PDB file of all heavy atoms in Angstrom:
ATOM      1  N   ASP A   1      92.899  97.820 114.449  1.00  0.00           N
ATOM      2  CA  ASP A   1      94.023  96.978 114.648  1.00  0.00           C
ATOM      3  C   ASP A   1      93.682  95.496 114.030  1.00  0.00           C
ATOM      4  O   ASP A   1      94.442  94.846 113.359  1.00  0.00           O
ATOM      5  CB  ASP A   1      94.478  96.800 115.958  1.00  0.00           C
ATOM      6  CG  ASP A   1      95.093  98.131 116.583  1.00  0.00           C
ATOM      7  OD1 ASP A   1      95.730  98.824 115.785  1.00  0.00           O
ATOM      8  OD2 ASP A   1      94.859  98.419 117.743  1.00  0.00           O
ATOM      9  N   ALA A   2      92.449  95.071 114.378  1.00  0.00           N
ATOM     10  CA  ALA A   2      91.966  93.705 113.903  1.00  0.00           C
ATOM     11  C   ALA A   2      91.883  93.708 112.406  1.00  0.00           C
ATOM     12  O   ALA A   2      92.136  92.752 111.771  1.00  0.00           O
ATOM     13  CB  ALA A   2      90.672  93.365 114.571  1.00  0.00           C
ATOM     14  N   ILE A   3      91.338  94.813 111.888  1.00  0.00           N
ATOM     15  CA  ILE A   3      91.192  94.918 110.359  1.00  0.00           C
ATOM     16  C   ILE A   3      92.545  94.894 109.664  1.00  0.00           C
ATOM     17  O   ILE A   3      92.765  94.043 108.677  1.00  0.00           O
ATOM     18  CB  ILE A   3      90.519  96.273 109.991  1.00  0.00           C
ATOM     19  CG1 ILE A   3      88.997  96.027 110.330  1.00  0.00           C
ATOM     20  CG2 ILE A   3      90.597  96.542 108.528  1.00  0.00           C
ATOM     21  CD1 ILE A   3      88.193  97.322 110.205  1.00  0.00           C
ATOM     22  N   ARG A   4      93.617  95.600 110.210  1.00  0.00           N
ATOM     23  CA  ARG A   4      94.894  95.610 109.635  1.00  0.00           C
ATOM     24  C   ARG A   4      95.630  94.275 109.887  1.00  0.00           C
ATOM     25  O   ARG A   4      96.120  93.757 108.855  1.00  0.00           O
ATOM     26  CB  ARG A   4      95.712  96.799 110.234  1.00  0.00           C
ATOM     27  CG  ARG A   4      95.306  98.139 109.771  1.00  0.00           C
ATOM     28  CD  ARG A   4      96.301  99.231 110.446  1.00  0.00           C
ATOM     29  NE  ARG A   4      96.140  99.423 111.646  1.00  0.00           N
ATOM     30  CZ  ARG A   4      95.294 100.430 112.221  1.00  0.00           C
ATOM     31  NH1 ARG A   4      94.664 101.187 111.434  1.00  0.00           N
ATOM     32  NH2 ARG A   4      95.212 100.525 113.553  1.00  0.00           N
ATOM     33  N   GLU A   5      95.494  93.732 110.961  1.00  0.00           N
ATOM     34  CA  GLU A   5      96.212  92.508 111.298  1.00  0.00           C
ATOM     35  C   GLU A   5      95.720  91.323 110.424  1.00  0.00           C
ATOM     36  O   GLU A   5      96.491  90.484 110.026  1.00  0.00           O
ATOM     37  CB  GLU A   5      96.037  92.105 112.814  1.00  0.00           C
ATOM     38  CG  GLU A   5      96.726  90.817 113.200  1.00  0.00           C
ATOM     39  CD  GLU A   5      96.598  90.531 114.609  1.00  0.00           C
ATOM     40  OE1 GLU A   5      97.492  91.132 115.363  1.00  0.00           O
ATOM     41  OE2 GLU A   5      95.725  89.740 115.032  1.00  0.00           O
ATOM     42  N   ASN A   6      94.455  91.354 110.134  1.00  0.00           N
ATOM     43  CA  ASN A   6      93.866  90.239 109.270  1.00  0.00           C
ATOM     44  C   ASN A   6      93.655  90.631 107.795  1.00  0.00           C
ATOM     45  O   ASN A   6      93.162  89.743 107.042  1.00  0.00           O
ATOM     46  CB  ASN A   6      92.446  89.923 109.827  1.00  0.00           C
ATOM     47  CG  ASN A   6      92.447  89.291 111.308  1.00  0.00           C
ATOM     48  OD1 ASN A   6      92.700  88.053 111.400  1.00  0.00           O
ATOM     49  ND2 ASN A   6      92.210  90.063 112.183  1.00  0.00           N
ATOM     50  N   GLY A   7      94.206  91.795 107.392  1.00  0.00           N
ATOM     51  CA  GLY A   7      94.258  92.176 106.006  1.00  0.00           C
ATOM     52  C   GLY A   7      92.984  92.215 105.411  1.00  0.00           C
ATOM     53  O   GLY A   7      92.644  91.895 104.297  1.00  0.00           O
ATOM     54  N   LEU A   8      91.849  92.716 106.133  1.00  0.00           N
ATOM     55  CA  LEU A   8      90.519  92.731 105.742  1.00  0.00           C
ATOM     56  C   LEU A   8      90.189  93.904 104.748  1.00  0.00           C
ATOM     57  O   LEU A   8      90.787  95.020 104.976  1.00  0.00           O
ATOM     58  CB  LEU A   8      89.537  92.815 106.926  1.00  0.00           C
ATOM     59  CG  LEU A   8      89.715  91.729 107.983  1.00  0.00           C
ATOM     60  CD1 LEU A   8      88.744  91.831 109.088  1.00  0.00           C
ATOM     61  CD2 LEU A   8      89.541  90.285 107.303  1.00  0.00           C
ATOM     62  N   LYS A   9      89.349  93.713 103.713  1.00  0.00           N
ATOM     63  CA  LYS A   9      88.866  94.784 102.839  1.00  0.00           C
ATOM     64  C   LYS A   9      87.405  94.793 102.836  1.00  0.00           C
ATOM     65  O   LYS A   9      86.724  93.705 103.009  1.00  0.00           O
ATOM     66  CB  LYS A   9      89.477  94.506 101.584  1.00  0.00           C
ATOM     67  CG  LYS A   9      90.989  94.388 101.452  1.00  0.00           C
ATOM     68  CD  LYS A   9      91.675  95.830 101.806  1.00  0.00           C
ATOM     69  CE  LYS A   9      93.242  95.675 101.736  1.00  0.00           C
ATOM     70  NZ  LYS A   9      93.882  96.903 102.069  1.00  0.00           N
ATOM     71  N   ALA A  10      86.858  95.936 102.534  1.00  0.00           N
ATOM     72  CA  ALA A  10      85.378  95.978 102.422  1.00  0.00           C
ATOM     73  C   ALA A  10      85.015  97.069 101.468  1.00  0.00           C
ATOM     74  O   ALA A  10      85.787  98.001 101.208  1.00  0.00           O
ATOM     75  CB  ALA A  10      84.785  96.280 103.706  1.00  0.00           C
ATOM     76  N   GLU A  11      83.774  96.961 100.949  1.00  0.00           N
ATOM     77  CA  GLU A  11      83.175  97.981 100.150  1.00  0.00           C
ATOM     78  C   GLU A  11      82.123  98.918 100.747  1.00  0.00           C
ATOM     79  O   GLU A  11      81.698  99.924 100.059  1.00  0.00           O
ATOM     80  CB  GLU A  11      82.698  97.307  98.779  1.00  0.00           C
ATOM     81  CG  GLU A  11      83.650  96.561  98.016  1.00  0.00           C
ATOM     82  CD  GLU A  11      82.939  95.521  97.080  1.00  0.00           C
ATOM     83  OE1 GLU A  11      82.540  94.474  97.528  1.00  0.00           O
ATOM     84  OE2 GLU A  11      82.919  95.822  95.845  1.00  0.00           O
ATOM     85  N   ILE A  12      81.737  98.426 101.882  1.00  0.00           N
ATOM     86  CA  ILE A  12      80.714  99.271 102.719  1.00  0.00           C
ATOM     87  C   ILE A  12      80.971  98.895 104.113  1.00  0.00           C
ATOM     88  O   ILE A  12      81.349  97.821 104.375  1.00  0.00           O
ATOM     89  CB  ILE A  12      79.297  98.911 102.177  1.00  0.00           C
ATOM     90  CG1 ILE A  12      78.223  99.855 102.841  1.00  0.00           C
ATOM     91  CG2 ILE A  12      78.883  97.345 102.511  1.00  0.00           C
ATOM     92  CD1 ILE A  12      76.878  99.828 102.185  1.00  0.00           C
ATOM     93  N   ILE A  13      80.674  99.956 104.954  1.00  0.00           N
ATOM     94  CA  ILE A  13      80.991  99.777 106.390  1.00  0.00           C
ATOM     95  C   ILE A  13      79.667 100.216 107.138  1.00  0.00           C
ATOM     96  O   ILE A  13      79.181 101.232 106.768  1.00  0.00           O
ATOM     97  CB  ILE A  13      82.041 100.687 106.832  1.00  0.00           C
ATOM     98  CG1 ILE A  13      83.422 100.289 106.131  1.00  0.00           C
ATOM     99  CG2 ILE A  13      82.380 100.664 108.369  1.00  0.00           C
ATOM    100  CD1 ILE A  13      84.636 101.167 106.473  1.00  0.00           C
ATOM    101  N   TYR A  14      79.358  99.418 108.198  1.00  0.00           N
ATOM    102  CA  TYR A  14      78.395  99.702 109.188  1.00  0.00           C
ATOM    103  C   TYR A  14      78.991  99.648 110.544  1.00  0.00           C
ATOM    104  O   TYR A  14      79.652  98.690 110.851  1.00  0.00           O
ATOM    105  CB  TYR A  14      77.180  98.771 109.165  1.00  0.00           C
ATOM    106  CG  TYR A  14      76.408  98.681 107.880  1.00  0.00           C
ATOM    107  CD1 TYR A  14      76.816  97.731 106.869  1.00  0.00           C
ATOM    108  CD2 TYR A  14      75.347  99.568 107.497  1.00  0.00           C
ATOM    109  CE1 TYR A  14      76.088  97.701 105.661  1.00  0.00           C
ATOM    110  CE2 TYR A  14      74.667  99.465 106.410  1.00  0.00           C
ATOM    111  CZ  TYR A  14      74.979  98.470 105.454  1.00  0.00           C
ATOM    112  OH  TYR A  14      74.404  98.393 104.215  1.00  0.00           O
ATOM    113  N   ALA A  15      78.880 100.705 111.372  1.00  0.00           N
ATOM    114  CA  ALA A  15      79.487 100.787 112.632  1.00  0.00           C
ATOM    115  C   ALA A  15      78.887 101.444 113.769  1.00  0.00           C
ATOM    116  O   ALA A  15      78.002 102.282 113.513  1.00  0.00           O
ATOM    117  CB  ALA A  15      80.954 101.455 112.454  1.00  0.00           C
ATOM    118  N   CYS A  16      78.969 100.899 114.941  1.00  0.00           N
ATOM    119  CA  CYS A  16      78.393 101.555 116.124  1.00  0.00           C
ATOM    120  C   CYS A  16      79.390 101.418 117.301  1.00  0.00           C
ATOM    121  O   CYS A  16      79.904 100.222 117.542  1.00  0.00           O
ATOM    122  CB  CYS A  16      77.057 100.826 116.474  1.00  0.00           C
ATOM    123  SG  CYS A  16      76.227 101.513 117.870  1.00  0.00           S
ATOM    124  N   GLY A  17      79.600 102.463 118.008  1.00  0.00           N
ATOM    125  CA  GLY A  17      80.525 102.441 119.144  1.00  0.00           C
ATOM    126  C   GLY A  17      80.836 103.770 119.570  1.00  0.00           C
ATOM    127  O   GLY A  17      80.209 104.770 119.270  1.00  0.00           O
ATOM    128  N   PRO A  18      81.851 103.861 120.579  1.00  0.00           N
ATOM    129  CA  PRO A  18      82.260 105.149 121.124  1.00  0.00           C
ATOM    130  C   PRO A  18      82.839 106.104 119.921  1.00  0.00           C
ATOM    131  O   PRO A  18      83.273 105.668 118.932  1.00  0.00           O
ATOM    132  CB  PRO A  18      83.300 104.730 122.136  1.00  0.00           C
ATOM    133  CG  PRO A  18      83.757 103.461 121.644  1.00  0.00           C
ATOM    134  CD  PRO A  18      82.701 102.787 121.113  1.00  0.00           C
ATOM    135  N   THR A  19      82.791 107.370 120.241  1.00  0.00           N
ATOM    136  CA  THR A  19      83.209 108.436 119.314  1.00  0.00           C
ATOM    137  C   THR A  19      84.583 108.237 118.779  1.00  0.00           C
ATOM    138  O   THR A  19      84.869 108.267 117.637  1.00  0.00           O
ATOM    139  CB  THR A  19      83.001 109.795 120.011  1.00  0.00           C
ATOM    140  OG1 THR A  19      81.666 109.997 120.287  1.00  0.00           O
ATOM    141  CG2 THR A  19      83.430 110.860 119.011  1.00  0.00           C
ATOM    142  N   PRO A  20      85.604 107.887 119.668  1.00  0.00           N
ATOM    143  CA  PRO A  20      86.988 107.744 119.106  1.00  0.00           C
ATOM    144  C   PRO A  20      87.091 106.647 118.071  1.00  0.00           C
ATOM    145  O   PRO A  20      87.743 106.786 117.019  1.00  0.00           O
ATOM    146  CB  PRO A  20      87.837 107.443 120.311  1.00  0.00           C
ATOM    147  CG  PRO A  20      87.093 108.109 121.530  1.00  0.00           C
ATOM    148  CD  PRO A  20      85.695 107.857 121.113  1.00  0.00           C
ATOM    149  N   MET A  21      86.381 105.559 118.296  1.00  0.00           N
ATOM    150  CA  MET A  21      86.306 104.434 117.350  1.00  0.00           C
ATOM    151  C   MET A  21      85.620 104.879 116.094  1.00  0.00           C
ATOM    152  O   MET A  21      86.219 104.650 114.975  1.00  0.00           O
ATOM    153  CB  MET A  21      85.568 103.250 117.950  1.00  0.00           C
ATOM    154  CG  MET A  21      85.603 102.056 117.090  1.00  0.00           C
ATOM    155  SD  MET A  21      84.356 100.800 117.433  1.00  0.00           S
ATOM    156  CE  MET A  21      83.032 101.375 116.606  1.00  0.00           C
ATOM    157  N   LEU A  22      84.526 105.652 116.141  1.00  0.00           N
ATOM    158  CA  LEU A  22      83.817 106.080 114.971  1.00  0.00           C
ATOM    159  C   LEU A  22      84.637 107.016 114.194  1.00  0.00           C
ATOM    160  O   LEU A  22      84.602 107.097 112.944  1.00  0.00           O
ATOM    161  CB  LEU A  22      82.474 106.576 115.454  1.00  0.00           C
ATOM    162  CG  LEU A  22      81.500 105.636 115.996  1.00  0.00           C
ATOM    163  CD1 LEU A  22      80.226 106.260 116.284  1.00  0.00           C
ATOM    164  CD2 LEU A  22      81.264 104.462 114.922  1.00  0.00           C
ATOM    165  N   ARG A  23      85.363 107.922 114.878  1.00  0.00           N
ATOM    166  CA  ARG A  23      86.097 108.913 114.245  1.00  0.00           C
ATOM    167  C   ARG A  23      87.331 108.224 113.360  1.00  0.00           C
ATOM    168  O   ARG A  23      87.549 108.548 112.328  1.00  0.00           O
ATOM    169  CB  ARG A  23      86.856 109.849 115.275  1.00  0.00           C
ATOM    170  CG  ARG A  23      87.450 111.035 114.617  1.00  0.00           C
ATOM    171  CD  ARG A  23      87.951 111.955 115.731  1.00  0.00           C
ATOM    172  NE  ARG A  23      86.812 112.645 116.460  1.00  0.00           N
ATOM    173  CZ  ARG A  23      86.625 112.548 117.827  1.00  0.00           C
ATOM    174  NH1 ARG A  23      87.488 111.829 118.520  1.00  0.00           N
ATOM    175  NH2 ARG A  23      85.586 113.167 118.327  1.00  0.00           N
ATOM    176  N   ALA A  24      87.881 107.140 113.953  1.00  0.00           N
ATOM    177  CA  ALA A  24      88.893 106.401 113.197  1.00  0.00           C
ATOM    178  C   ALA A  24      88.323 105.768 111.981  1.00  0.00           C
ATOM    179  O   ALA A  24      88.968 105.680 110.850  1.00  0.00           O
ATOM    180  CB  ALA A  24      89.510 105.409 114.147  1.00  0.00           C
ATOM    181  N   ILE A  25      87.126 105.166 112.184  1.00  0.00           N
ATOM    182  CA  ILE A  25      86.416 104.455 111.000  1.00  0.00           C
ATOM    183  C   ILE A  25      86.081 105.387 109.945  1.00  0.00           C
ATOM    184  O   ILE A  25      86.186 105.176 108.774  1.00  0.00           O
ATOM    185  CB  ILE A  25      85.185 103.705 111.542  1.00  0.00           C
ATOM    186  CG1 ILE A  25      85.707 102.508 112.456  1.00  0.00           C
ATOM    187  CG2 ILE A  25      84.436 103.092 110.503  1.00  0.00           C
ATOM    188  CD1 ILE A  25      84.616 101.861 113.194  1.00  0.00           C
ATOM    189  N   GLN A  26      85.585 106.589 110.422  1.00  0.00           N
ATOM    190  CA  GLN A  26      85.209 107.675 109.412  1.00  0.00           C
ATOM    191  C   GLN A  26      86.407 108.009 108.639  1.00  0.00           C
ATOM    192  O   GLN A  26      86.279 108.224 107.352  1.00  0.00           O
ATOM    193  CB  GLN A  26      84.683 108.882 110.185  1.00  0.00           C
ATOM    194  CG  GLN A  26      84.192 109.993 109.327  1.00  0.00           C
ATOM    195  CD  GLN A  26      83.670 111.300 110.145  1.00  0.00           C
ATOM    196  OE1 GLN A  26      84.446 111.657 110.963  1.00  0.00           O
ATOM    197  NE2 GLN A  26      82.549 111.727 109.837  1.00  0.00           N
ATOM    198  N   SER A  27      87.561 108.294 109.253  1.00  0.00           N
ATOM    199  CA  SER A  27      88.787 108.669 108.635  1.00  0.00           C
ATOM    200  C   SER A  27      89.237 107.553 107.594  1.00  0.00           C
ATOM    201  O   SER A  27      89.611 107.761 106.478  1.00  0.00           O
ATOM    202  CB  SER A  27      89.900 108.811 109.575  1.00  0.00           C
ATOM    203  OG  SER A  27      91.086 109.198 108.970  1.00  0.00           O
ATOM    204  N   TYR A  28      89.139 106.213 108.109  1.00  0.00           N
ATOM    205  CA  TYR A  28      89.526 105.132 107.261  1.00  0.00           C
ATOM    206  C   TYR A  28      88.650 105.021 105.977  1.00  0.00           C
ATOM    207  O   TYR A  28      89.101 104.846 104.902  1.00  0.00           O
ATOM    208  CB  TYR A  28      89.462 103.822 108.112  1.00  0.00           C
ATOM    209  CG  TYR A  28      89.565 102.630 107.367  1.00  0.00           C
ATOM    210  CD1 TYR A  28      90.876 102.020 107.038  1.00  0.00           C
ATOM    211  CD2 TYR A  28      88.467 101.821 106.900  1.00  0.00           C
ATOM    212  CE1 TYR A  28      91.041 100.848 106.412  1.00  0.00           C
ATOM    213  CE2 TYR A  28      88.695 100.662 106.195  1.00  0.00           C
ATOM    214  CZ  TYR A  28      89.881 100.118 105.943  1.00  0.00           C
ATOM    215  OH  TYR A  28      89.980  98.986 105.168  1.00  0.00           O
ATOM    216  N   ALA A  29      87.308 105.227 106.215  1.00  0.00           N
ATOM    217  CA  ALA A  29      86.456 105.145 105.015  1.00  0.00           C
ATOM    218  C   ALA A  29      86.805 106.213 104.048  1.00  0.00           C
ATOM    219  O   ALA A  29      86.648 106.066 102.873  1.00  0.00           O
ATOM    220  CB  ALA A  29      84.960 105.238 105.639  1.00  0.00           C
ATOM    221  N   SER A  30      87.007 107.496 104.586  1.00  0.00           N
ATOM    222  CA  SER A  30      87.262 108.517 103.715  1.00  0.00           C
ATOM    223  C   SER A  30      88.543 108.393 102.868  1.00  0.00           C
ATOM    224  O   SER A  30      88.456 108.593 101.703  1.00  0.00           O
ATOM    225  CB  SER A  30      87.376 109.803 104.539  1.00  0.00           C
ATOM    226  OG  SER A  30      87.748 111.010 103.707  1.00  0.00           O
ATOM    227  N   GLU A  31      89.657 107.963 103.533  1.00  0.00           N
ATOM    228  CA  GLU A  31      90.851 107.697 102.826  1.00  0.00           C
ATOM    229  C   GLU A  31      90.826 106.566 101.741  1.00  0.00           C
ATOM    230  O   GLU A  31      91.493 106.615 100.782  1.00  0.00           O
ATOM    231  CB  GLU A  31      91.905 107.283 103.950  1.00  0.00           C
ATOM    232  CG  GLU A  31      92.297 108.383 104.827  1.00  0.00           C
ATOM    233  CD  GLU A  31      93.167 107.912 105.915  1.00  0.00           C
ATOM    234  OE1 GLU A  31      93.503 106.707 105.994  1.00  0.00           O
ATOM    235  OE2 GLU A  31      93.423 108.723 106.864  1.00  0.00           O
ATOM    236  N   ASN A  32      89.919 105.588 102.081  1.00  0.00           N
ATOM    237  CA  ASN A  32      89.808 104.487 101.068  1.00  0.00           C
ATOM    238  C   ASN A  32      88.526 104.529 100.257  1.00  0.00           C
ATOM    239  O   ASN A  32      88.265 103.525  99.518  1.00  0.00           O
ATOM    240  CB  ASN A  32      89.785 103.149 101.936  1.00  0.00           C
ATOM    241  CG  ASN A  32      91.066 102.845 102.633  1.00  0.00           C
ATOM    242  OD1 ASN A  32      92.046 102.373 101.950  1.00  0.00           O
ATOM    243  ND2 ASN A  32      91.291 103.171 103.915  1.00  0.00           N
ATOM    244  N   HIS A  33      87.870 105.662 100.346  1.00  0.00           N
ATOM    245  CA  HIS A  33      86.648 105.904  99.405  1.00  0.00           C
ATOM    246  C   HIS A  33      85.710 104.818  99.659  1.00  0.00           C
ATOM    247  O   HIS A  33      85.140 104.155  98.613  1.00  0.00           O
ATOM    248  CB  HIS A  33      87.087 106.041  98.034  1.00  0.00           C
ATOM    249  CG  HIS A  33      88.117 107.082  97.754  1.00  0.00           C
ATOM    250  ND1 HIS A  33      88.034 108.383  97.865  1.00  0.00           N
ATOM    251  CD2 HIS A  33      89.526 106.836  97.464  1.00  0.00           C
ATOM    252  CE1 HIS A  33      89.102 109.011  97.629  1.00  0.00           C
ATOM    253  NE2 HIS A  33      90.087 108.219  97.450  1.00  0.00           N
TER     254      HIS A  33
END
């Protein structure tokens, strides 16, 4: 939600946290290559 609200973009992602969060990030990374 914070990424969307602030209109943030990235070319690489590093993440650590609970599984539901990581699953959402994994999906986001896949959709946006």
